[in-house]
């Protein structure tokens, strides 16, 4: 079995002089860095948890990882099935809930991609490929909840 190893650096940049003296004394700002990548990602926590709303939070990145992984598998499958995709735009929605034991976690994600293809005769096949893409998506396979898909396929 082949292992894939990923390395990332998360650096907290939010010490405002007092460290974590209190819950309010520090910024949640951080940056995500990977060797060889073009730029760092500016992160924070959700504003609900005193984060900077102009920065990506872990929940944003989690949802974007699911969406991007699905998209990449979908595009691959379309290419191998001779379906020409010219546009792909996903407006993904994730729901995080507090469970009965007080733990907050994602319980549902719905991907809502709008995809443009060149052949109207392949709309049904293009729609069905989302099922296969979901089965192959590494991120979706790592989740303990179902990922829903509501694709809209448009022929140009």
N, C-alpha and C. Protein backbone atom coordinates (compact mmCIF):
# COMPACT_ATOMS: atom_id res chain seq x y z
N UNK A 1 0.84 -1.18 0.00
CA UNK A 1 0.00 0.00 0.00
C UNK A 1 0.89 1.25 0.00
N UNK A 2 0.59 2.14 -0.89
CA UNK A 2 1.39 3.36 -1.02
C UNK A 2 0.85 4.45 -0.10
N UNK A 3 1.71 5.04 0.68
CA UNK A 3 1.32 6.16 1.55
C UNK A 3 1.64 7.47 0.87
N UNK A 4 0.81 8.45 1.10
CA UNK A 4 1.04 9.81 0.63
C UNK A 4 1.22 10.67 1.88
N UNK A 5 2.31 11.38 1.95
CA UNK A 5 2.60 12.19 3.13
C UNK A 5 2.50 13.66 2.75
N UNK A 6 1.78 14.41 3.55
CA UNK A 6 1.62 15.85 3.33
C UNK A 6 2.16 16.58 4.54
N UNK A 7 2.83 17.67 4.28
CA UNK A 7 3.37 18.48 5.37
C UNK A 7 2.91 19.91 5.22
N UNK A 8 2.53 20.50 6.31
CA UNK A 8 2.05 21.87 6.33
C UNK A 8 2.56 22.53 7.61
N UNK A 9 2.78 23.81 7.55
CA UNK A 9 3.19 24.55 8.73
C UNK A 9 2.10 25.55 9.06
N UNK A 10 1.65 25.54 10.30
CA UNK A 10 0.70 26.54 10.79
C UNK A 10 1.42 27.35 11.84
N UNK A 11 1.53 28.65 11.58
CA UNK A 11 2.24 29.54 12.49
C UNK A 11 1.27 30.56 13.08
N UNK A 12 1.14 30.55 14.39
CA UNK A 12 0.30 31.52 15.08
C UNK A 12 0.99 32.88 15.04
N UNK A 13 0.29 33.90 14.61
CA UNK A 13 0.84 35.26 14.50
C UNK A 13 0.07 36.23 15.39
N UNK A 14 -0.68 35.69 16.34
CA UNK A 14 -1.61 36.51 17.10
C UNK A 14 -1.19 36.93 18.49
N UNK A 15 0.07 36.76 18.85
CA UNK A 15 0.50 37.23 20.17
C UNK A 15 0.53 38.76 20.14
N UNK A 16 -0.29 39.37 20.97
CA UNK A 16 -0.38 40.82 21.01
C UNK A 16 0.38 41.40 22.20
N UNK A 17 1.34 40.64 22.69
CA UNK A 17 2.20 41.12 23.77
C UNK A 17 1.97 40.43 25.10
N UNK A 18 0.81 39.80 25.27
CA UNK A 18 0.51 39.12 26.53
C UNK A 18 0.31 37.62 26.34
N UNK A 19 0.51 37.13 25.12
CA UNK A 19 0.27 35.72 24.86
C UNK A 19 -1.17 35.36 25.15
N UNK A 20 -1.37 34.19 25.73
CA UNK A 20 -2.73 33.73 26.04
C UNK A 20 -3.08 33.97 27.50
N UNK A 21 -2.73 35.15 27.99
CA UNK A 21 -3.03 35.51 29.38
C UNK A 21 -4.52 35.36 29.68
N UNK A 22 -5.35 35.71 28.72
CA UNK A 22 -6.80 35.53 28.87
C UNK A 22 -7.38 35.21 27.49
N UNK A 23 -8.64 34.82 27.46
CA UNK A 23 -9.30 34.48 26.21
C UNK A 23 -9.34 35.67 25.25
N UNK A 24 -9.42 36.87 25.78
CA UNK A 24 -9.49 38.07 24.97
C UNK A 24 -8.13 38.70 24.67
N UNK A 25 -7.06 38.22 25.26
CA UNK A 25 -5.77 38.90 25.16
C UNK A 25 -4.98 38.57 23.89
N UNK A 26 -5.46 37.66 23.08
CA UNK A 26 -4.70 37.26 21.90
C UNK A 26 -5.58 37.22 20.66
N UNK A 27 -4.92 37.39 19.54
CA UNK A 27 -5.58 37.28 18.25
C UNK A 27 -5.52 35.81 17.80
N UNK A 28 -6.51 35.41 17.07
CA UNK A 28 -6.54 34.05 16.54
C UNK A 28 -5.82 33.94 15.20
N UNK A 29 -5.21 35.02 14.75
CA UNK A 29 -4.57 35.05 13.43
C UNK A 29 -3.40 34.08 13.35
N UNK A 30 -3.29 33.49 12.18
CA UNK A 30 -2.21 32.55 11.90
C UNK A 30 -2.00 32.51 10.40
N UNK A 31 -0.94 31.87 9.99
CA UNK A 31 -0.71 31.66 8.56
C UNK A 31 -0.40 30.20 8.32
N UNK A 32 -0.83 29.74 7.15
CA UNK A 32 -0.61 28.37 6.74
C UNK A 32 0.40 28.41 5.61
N UNK A 33 1.47 27.64 5.78
CA UNK A 33 2.60 27.70 4.86
C UNK A 33 2.96 26.28 4.43
N UNK A 34 3.32 26.13 3.17
CA UNK A 34 3.83 24.86 2.67
C UNK A 34 5.02 25.15 1.76
N UNK A 35 6.07 24.37 1.92
CA UNK A 35 7.25 24.54 1.07
C UNK A 35 6.88 24.46 -0.40
N UNK A 36 7.39 25.40 -1.16
CA UNK A 36 7.18 25.39 -2.59
C UNK A 36 5.87 25.96 -3.06
N UNK A 37 5.03 26.42 -2.15
CA UNK A 37 3.74 26.99 -2.54
C UNK A 37 3.92 28.48 -2.79
N UNK A 38 3.07 29.02 -3.62
CA UNK A 38 3.15 30.41 -4.05
C UNK A 38 3.02 31.41 -2.90
N UNK A 39 2.04 31.23 -2.06
CA UNK A 39 1.80 32.19 -0.98
C UNK A 39 1.22 31.48 0.22
N UNK A 40 1.32 32.14 1.36
CA UNK A 40 0.71 31.58 2.55
C UNK A 40 -0.79 31.91 2.55
N UNK A 41 -1.52 31.17 3.35
CA UNK A 41 -2.95 31.42 3.54
C UNK A 41 -3.10 32.13 4.88
N UNK A 42 -3.76 33.26 4.86
CA UNK A 42 -4.00 34.01 6.09
C UNK A 42 -5.23 33.43 6.78
N UNK A 43 -5.03 32.93 7.99
CA UNK A 43 -6.12 32.28 8.71
C UNK A 43 -6.43 32.96 10.02
N UNK A 44 -7.58 32.61 10.55
CA UNK A 44 -8.02 33.07 11.87
C UNK A 44 -9.10 32.09 12.32
N UNK A 45 -9.81 32.43 13.36
CA UNK A 45 -10.96 31.62 13.74
C UNK A 45 -12.22 32.33 13.25
N UNK A 46 -13.32 31.64 13.34
CA UNK A 46 -14.60 32.23 13.00
C UNK A 46 -14.83 33.46 13.89
N UNK A 47 -15.44 34.53 13.38
CA UNK A 47 -15.70 35.70 14.23
C UNK A 47 -16.48 35.37 15.50
N UNK A 48 -17.27 34.32 15.47
CA UNK A 48 -17.99 33.89 16.67
C UNK A 48 -17.03 33.56 17.81
N UNK A 49 -15.81 33.17 17.43
CA UNK A 49 -14.78 32.82 18.41
C UNK A 49 -13.65 33.84 18.42
N UNK A 50 -14.03 35.10 18.22
CA UNK A 50 -13.12 36.25 18.27
C UNK A 50 -12.11 36.27 17.12
N UNK A 51 -12.45 35.68 16.00
CA UNK A 51 -11.55 35.66 14.85
C UNK A 51 -11.76 36.85 13.93
N UNK A 52 -10.85 36.97 12.99
CA UNK A 52 -10.87 38.03 11.99
C UNK A 52 -11.71 37.56 10.80
N UNK A 53 -12.82 38.23 10.54
CA UNK A 53 -13.74 37.80 9.48
C UNK A 53 -13.15 37.94 8.09
N UNK A 54 -12.06 38.67 7.94
CA UNK A 54 -11.44 38.84 6.62
C UNK A 54 -10.47 37.72 6.28
N UNK A 55 -10.23 36.81 7.22
CA UNK A 55 -9.31 35.70 7.00
C UNK A 55 -10.09 34.38 6.94
N UNK A 56 -9.49 33.40 6.29
CA UNK A 56 -10.09 32.08 6.24
C UNK A 56 -10.01 31.41 7.60
N UNK A 57 -11.09 30.73 7.98
CA UNK A 57 -11.06 29.96 9.23
C UNK A 57 -11.00 28.47 8.88
N UNK A 58 -10.69 27.62 9.86
CA UNK A 58 -10.59 26.18 9.57
C UNK A 58 -11.85 25.60 8.93
N UNK A 59 -13.00 26.12 9.31
CA UNK A 59 -14.25 25.61 8.73
C UNK A 59 -14.33 25.95 7.24
N UNK A 60 -13.92 27.17 6.87
CA UNK A 60 -13.87 27.56 5.45
C UNK A 60 -12.95 26.62 4.68
N UNK A 61 -11.80 26.36 5.25
CA UNK A 61 -10.80 25.53 4.57
C UNK A 61 -11.25 24.08 4.45
N UNK A 62 -11.93 23.58 5.46
CA UNK A 62 -12.47 22.22 5.42
C UNK A 62 -13.49 22.10 4.29
N UNK A 63 -14.42 23.04 4.25
CA UNK A 63 -15.45 23.02 3.21
C UNK A 63 -14.83 23.17 1.82
N UNK A 64 -13.86 24.06 1.69
CA UNK A 64 -13.22 24.25 0.39
C UNK A 64 -12.43 23.00 -0.01
N UNK A 65 -11.86 22.29 0.95
CA UNK A 65 -11.15 21.04 0.64
C UNK A 65 -12.10 19.99 0.08
N UNK A 66 -13.26 19.86 0.69
CA UNK A 66 -14.26 18.91 0.17
C UNK A 66 -14.69 19.29 -1.24
N UNK A 67 -14.98 20.57 -1.44
CA UNK A 67 -15.44 21.04 -2.74
C UNK A 67 -14.36 20.84 -3.81
N UNK A 68 -13.13 21.23 -3.51
CA UNK A 68 -12.05 21.13 -4.49
C UNK A 68 -11.71 19.68 -4.82
N UNK A 69 -11.68 18.82 -3.82
CA UNK A 69 -11.36 17.41 -4.06
C UNK A 69 -12.42 16.78 -4.97
N UNK A 70 -13.69 17.07 -4.68
CA UNK A 70 -14.76 16.54 -5.51
C UNK A 70 -14.63 17.07 -6.94
N UNK A 71 -14.39 18.37 -7.07
CA UNK A 71 -14.27 18.97 -8.39
C UNK A 71 -13.14 18.31 -9.20
N UNK A 72 -12.00 18.12 -8.57
CA UNK A 72 -10.85 17.56 -9.29
C UNK A 72 -11.13 16.13 -9.75
N UNK A 73 -11.78 15.33 -8.89
CA UNK A 73 -12.14 13.98 -9.33
C UNK A 73 -13.19 14.03 -10.44
N UNK A 74 -14.16 14.93 -10.30
CA UNK A 74 -15.21 15.05 -11.31
C UNK A 74 -14.62 15.43 -12.67
N UNK A 75 -13.73 16.42 -12.70
CA UNK A 75 -13.10 16.82 -13.95
C UNK A 75 -12.31 15.66 -14.57
N UNK A 76 -11.61 14.91 -13.73
CA UNK A 76 -10.86 13.74 -14.20
C UNK A 76 -11.82 12.73 -14.85
N UNK A 77 -12.91 12.44 -14.17
CA UNK A 77 -13.86 11.46 -14.69
C UNK A 77 -14.50 11.96 -15.99
N UNK A 78 -14.81 13.24 -16.05
CA UNK A 78 -15.37 13.78 -17.29
C UNK A 78 -14.37 13.63 -18.44
N UNK A 79 -13.12 13.93 -18.17
CA UNK A 79 -12.10 13.80 -19.22
C UNK A 79 -11.99 12.35 -19.71
N UNK A 80 -12.02 11.39 -18.78
CA UNK A 80 -11.89 9.98 -19.19
C UNK A 80 -13.15 9.47 -19.88
N UNK A 81 -14.30 10.12 -19.64
CA UNK A 81 -15.55 9.72 -20.29
C UNK A 81 -15.88 10.61 -21.49
N UNK A 82 -14.92 11.41 -21.92
CA UNK A 82 -15.08 12.27 -23.11
C UNK A 82 -16.22 13.27 -22.97
N UNK A 83 -16.39 13.79 -21.76
CA UNK A 83 -17.35 14.87 -21.52
C UNK A 83 -16.52 16.14 -21.35
N UNK A 84 -16.75 17.10 -22.21
CA UNK A 84 -15.95 18.32 -22.19
C UNK A 84 -16.63 19.35 -21.27
N UNK A 85 -15.96 19.63 -20.16
CA UNK A 85 -16.43 20.63 -19.21
C UNK A 85 -15.74 21.95 -19.54
N UNK A 86 -16.52 23.01 -19.65
CA UNK A 86 -15.93 24.32 -19.94
C UNK A 86 -15.99 25.27 -18.74
N UNK A 87 -16.88 25.00 -17.80
CA UNK A 87 -16.96 25.81 -16.58
C UNK A 87 -17.44 24.94 -15.42
N UNK A 88 -16.94 25.27 -14.22
CA UNK A 88 -17.34 24.55 -13.00
C UNK A 88 -17.31 25.57 -11.87
N UNK A 89 -18.44 25.76 -11.22
CA UNK A 89 -18.54 26.69 -10.10
C UNK A 89 -19.37 26.03 -9.01
N UNK A 90 -18.80 25.89 -7.83
CA UNK A 90 -19.51 25.24 -6.73
C UNK A 90 -19.75 26.24 -5.61
N UNK A 91 -20.98 26.31 -5.17
CA UNK A 91 -21.35 27.10 -3.99
C UNK A 91 -21.69 26.11 -2.88
N UNK A 92 -20.66 25.63 -2.21
CA UNK A 92 -20.81 24.58 -1.19
C UNK A 92 -21.35 25.18 0.10
N UNK A 93 -22.13 24.37 0.81
CA UNK A 93 -22.70 24.78 2.09
C UNK A 93 -22.43 23.68 3.11
N UNK A 94 -21.88 24.07 4.25
CA UNK A 94 -21.63 23.12 5.33
C UNK A 94 -22.39 23.53 6.57
N UNK A 95 -22.88 22.56 7.30
CA UNK A 95 -23.61 22.82 8.55
C UNK A 95 -22.84 22.17 9.69
N UNK A 96 -22.53 23.00 10.66
CA UNK A 96 -21.86 22.53 11.87
C UNK A 96 -22.86 22.66 13.01
N UNK A 97 -22.97 21.63 13.81
CA UNK A 97 -23.94 21.60 14.91
C UNK A 97 -23.27 21.18 16.20
N UNK A 98 -23.89 21.58 17.29
CA UNK A 98 -23.44 21.11 18.59
C UNK A 98 -24.23 19.86 18.91
N UNK A 99 -23.53 18.78 19.20
CA UNK A 99 -24.17 17.50 19.49
C UNK A 99 -24.70 17.49 20.93
N UNK A 100 -25.42 16.44 21.26
CA UNK A 100 -25.99 16.32 22.61
C UNK A 100 -24.92 16.31 23.69
N UNK A 101 -23.74 15.82 23.36
CA UNK A 101 -22.67 15.80 24.37
C UNK A 101 -21.81 17.07 24.33
N UNK A 102 -22.28 18.10 23.59
CA UNK A 102 -21.61 19.40 23.61
C UNK A 102 -20.48 19.57 22.61
N UNK A 103 -20.24 18.57 21.79
CA UNK A 103 -19.17 18.65 20.80
C UNK A 103 -19.73 19.26 19.52
N UNK A 104 -18.99 20.24 18.97
CA UNK A 104 -19.40 20.84 17.71
C UNK A 104 -18.68 20.14 16.57
N UNK A 105 -19.44 19.83 15.52
CA UNK A 105 -18.85 19.15 14.37
C UNK A 105 -19.72 19.37 13.14
N UNK A 106 -19.11 19.19 11.98
CA UNK A 106 -19.88 19.23 10.75
C UNK A 106 -20.76 17.99 10.71
N UNK A 107 -22.02 18.20 10.36
CA UNK A 107 -22.97 17.10 10.26
C UNK A 107 -23.51 16.95 8.85
N UNK A 108 -23.26 17.98 8.03
CA UNK A 108 -23.79 17.93 6.67
C UNK A 108 -23.02 18.90 5.78
N UNK A 109 -22.74 18.45 4.58
CA UNK A 109 -22.18 19.31 3.55
C UNK A 109 -22.94 19.02 2.26
N UNK A 110 -23.31 20.08 1.57
CA UNK A 110 -23.95 19.94 0.26
C UNK A 110 -23.13 20.73 -0.75
N UNK A 111 -22.69 20.03 -1.78
CA UNK A 111 -21.99 20.67 -2.88
C UNK A 111 -23.03 21.01 -3.94
N UNK A 112 -22.98 22.23 -4.43
CA UNK A 112 -23.96 22.73 -5.39
C UNK A 112 -23.27 23.22 -6.67
N UNK A 113 -22.60 22.32 -7.37
CA UNK A 113 -21.87 22.78 -8.55
C UNK A 113 -22.78 23.07 -9.74
N UNK A 114 -22.43 24.12 -10.44
CA UNK A 114 -23.02 24.42 -11.74
C UNK A 114 -21.93 24.17 -12.76
N UNK A 115 -22.22 23.27 -13.70
CA UNK A 115 -21.21 22.81 -14.64
C UNK A 115 -21.72 23.04 -16.06
N UNK A 116 -20.85 23.60 -16.89
CA UNK A 116 -21.19 23.75 -18.30
C UNK A 116 -20.39 22.72 -19.09
N UNK A 117 -21.12 22.00 -19.96
CA UNK A 117 -20.49 21.02 -20.84
C UNK A 117 -20.85 21.35 -22.28
N UNK A 118 -20.15 20.74 -23.22
CA UNK A 118 -20.36 21.09 -24.63
C UNK A 118 -21.41 20.23 -25.34
N UNK A 119 -21.78 19.08 -24.77
CA UNK A 119 -22.68 18.15 -25.47
C UNK A 119 -23.93 17.90 -24.63
N UNK A 120 -25.07 18.39 -25.11
CA UNK A 120 -26.33 18.23 -24.36
C UNK A 120 -26.74 16.76 -24.22
N UNK A 121 -26.25 15.90 -25.10
CA UNK A 121 -26.57 14.48 -25.04
C UNK A 121 -25.86 13.76 -23.89
N UNK A 122 -24.94 14.45 -23.24
CA UNK A 122 -24.19 13.83 -22.15
C UNK A 122 -24.56 14.40 -20.78
N UNK A 123 -25.65 15.13 -20.70
CA UNK A 123 -26.06 15.73 -19.42
C UNK A 123 -26.34 14.66 -18.37
N UNK A 124 -27.06 13.61 -18.72
CA UNK A 124 -27.37 12.55 -17.74
C UNK A 124 -26.09 11.86 -17.25
N UNK A 125 -25.22 11.54 -18.17
CA UNK A 125 -23.95 10.89 -17.79
C UNK A 125 -23.11 11.83 -16.93
N UNK A 126 -23.08 13.11 -17.29
CA UNK A 126 -22.32 14.09 -16.51
C UNK A 126 -22.88 14.21 -15.10
N UNK A 127 -24.17 14.12 -14.97
CA UNK A 127 -24.81 14.18 -13.64
C UNK A 127 -24.43 12.96 -12.82
N UNK A 128 -24.47 11.79 -13.43
CA UNK A 128 -24.17 10.55 -12.72
C UNK A 128 -22.71 10.46 -12.27
N UNK A 129 -21.82 11.13 -12.95
CA UNK A 129 -20.40 11.07 -12.58
C UNK A 129 -20.12 11.68 -11.20
N UNK A 130 -21.07 12.46 -10.68
CA UNK A 130 -20.88 13.00 -9.33
C UNK A 130 -20.88 11.89 -8.29
N UNK A 131 -21.63 10.84 -8.54
CA UNK A 131 -21.65 9.70 -7.61
C UNK A 131 -20.26 9.06 -7.55
N UNK A 132 -19.68 8.83 -8.71
CA UNK A 132 -18.35 8.23 -8.78
C UNK A 132 -17.29 9.16 -8.19
N UNK A 133 -17.39 10.45 -8.49
CA UNK A 133 -16.43 11.42 -7.94
C UNK A 133 -16.48 11.41 -6.42
N UNK A 134 -17.67 11.31 -5.86
CA UNK A 134 -17.81 11.28 -4.41
C UNK A 134 -17.14 10.04 -3.82
N UNK A 135 -17.27 8.91 -4.50
CA UNK A 135 -16.65 7.67 -4.03
C UNK A 135 -15.13 7.76 -4.06
N UNK A 136 -14.57 8.54 -4.96
CA UNK A 136 -13.13 8.63 -5.12
C UNK A 136 -12.50 9.77 -4.31
N UNK A 137 -13.28 10.74 -3.88
CA UNK A 137 -12.74 11.92 -3.19
C UNK A 137 -12.10 11.53 -1.86
N UNK A 138 -10.82 11.82 -1.74
CA UNK A 138 -10.06 11.47 -0.54
C UNK A 138 -10.63 12.17 0.70
N UNK A 139 -11.01 13.41 0.55
CA UNK A 139 -11.50 14.18 1.70
C UNK A 139 -12.87 13.66 2.13
N UNK A 140 -13.76 13.43 1.17
CA UNK A 140 -15.08 12.90 1.50
C UNK A 140 -14.97 11.53 2.17
N UNK A 141 -14.02 10.72 1.71
CA UNK A 141 -13.82 9.40 2.32
C UNK A 141 -13.30 9.49 3.74
N UNK A 142 -12.80 10.64 4.13
CA UNK A 142 -12.27 10.83 5.48
C UNK A 142 -13.32 11.39 6.44
N UNK A 143 -14.50 11.67 5.95
CA UNK A 143 -15.56 12.27 6.77
C UNK A 143 -16.47 11.21 7.36
N UNK A 144 -17.07 11.54 8.49
CA UNK A 144 -18.00 10.60 9.12
C UNK A 144 -19.46 11.01 8.91
N UNK A 145 -19.71 11.74 7.84
CA UNK A 145 -21.07 12.12 7.46
C UNK A 145 -21.16 12.10 5.95
N UNK A 146 -22.38 12.04 5.45
CA UNK A 146 -22.61 11.97 4.01
C UNK A 146 -22.44 13.35 3.38
N UNK A 147 -21.82 13.37 2.21
CA UNK A 147 -21.69 14.58 1.42
C UNK A 147 -22.80 14.55 0.37
N UNK A 148 -23.64 15.56 0.35
CA UNK A 148 -24.74 15.63 -0.61
C UNK A 148 -24.29 16.42 -1.84
N UNK A 149 -24.93 16.12 -2.98
CA UNK A 149 -24.60 16.78 -4.23
C UNK A 149 -25.88 17.22 -4.92
N UNK A 150 -25.91 18.47 -5.32
CA UNK A 150 -27.04 18.99 -6.11
C UNK A 150 -26.48 19.69 -7.34
N UNK A 151 -26.00 18.90 -8.29
CA UNK A 151 -25.39 19.52 -9.47
C UNK A 151 -26.42 20.06 -10.45
N UNK A 152 -26.03 21.11 -11.12
CA UNK A 152 -26.78 21.65 -12.25
C UNK A 152 -25.85 21.56 -13.46
N UNK A 153 -26.29 20.81 -14.47
CA UNK A 153 -25.48 20.63 -15.66
C UNK A 153 -26.16 21.39 -16.81
N UNK A 154 -25.38 22.24 -17.45
CA UNK A 154 -25.90 23.06 -18.55
C UNK A 154 -25.06 22.76 -19.79
N UNK A 155 -25.75 22.52 -20.90
CA UNK A 155 -25.05 22.34 -22.17
C UNK A 155 -24.97 23.69 -22.87
N UNK A 156 -23.81 24.01 -23.38
CA UNK A 156 -23.61 25.29 -24.06
C UNK A 156 -24.06 25.20 -25.50
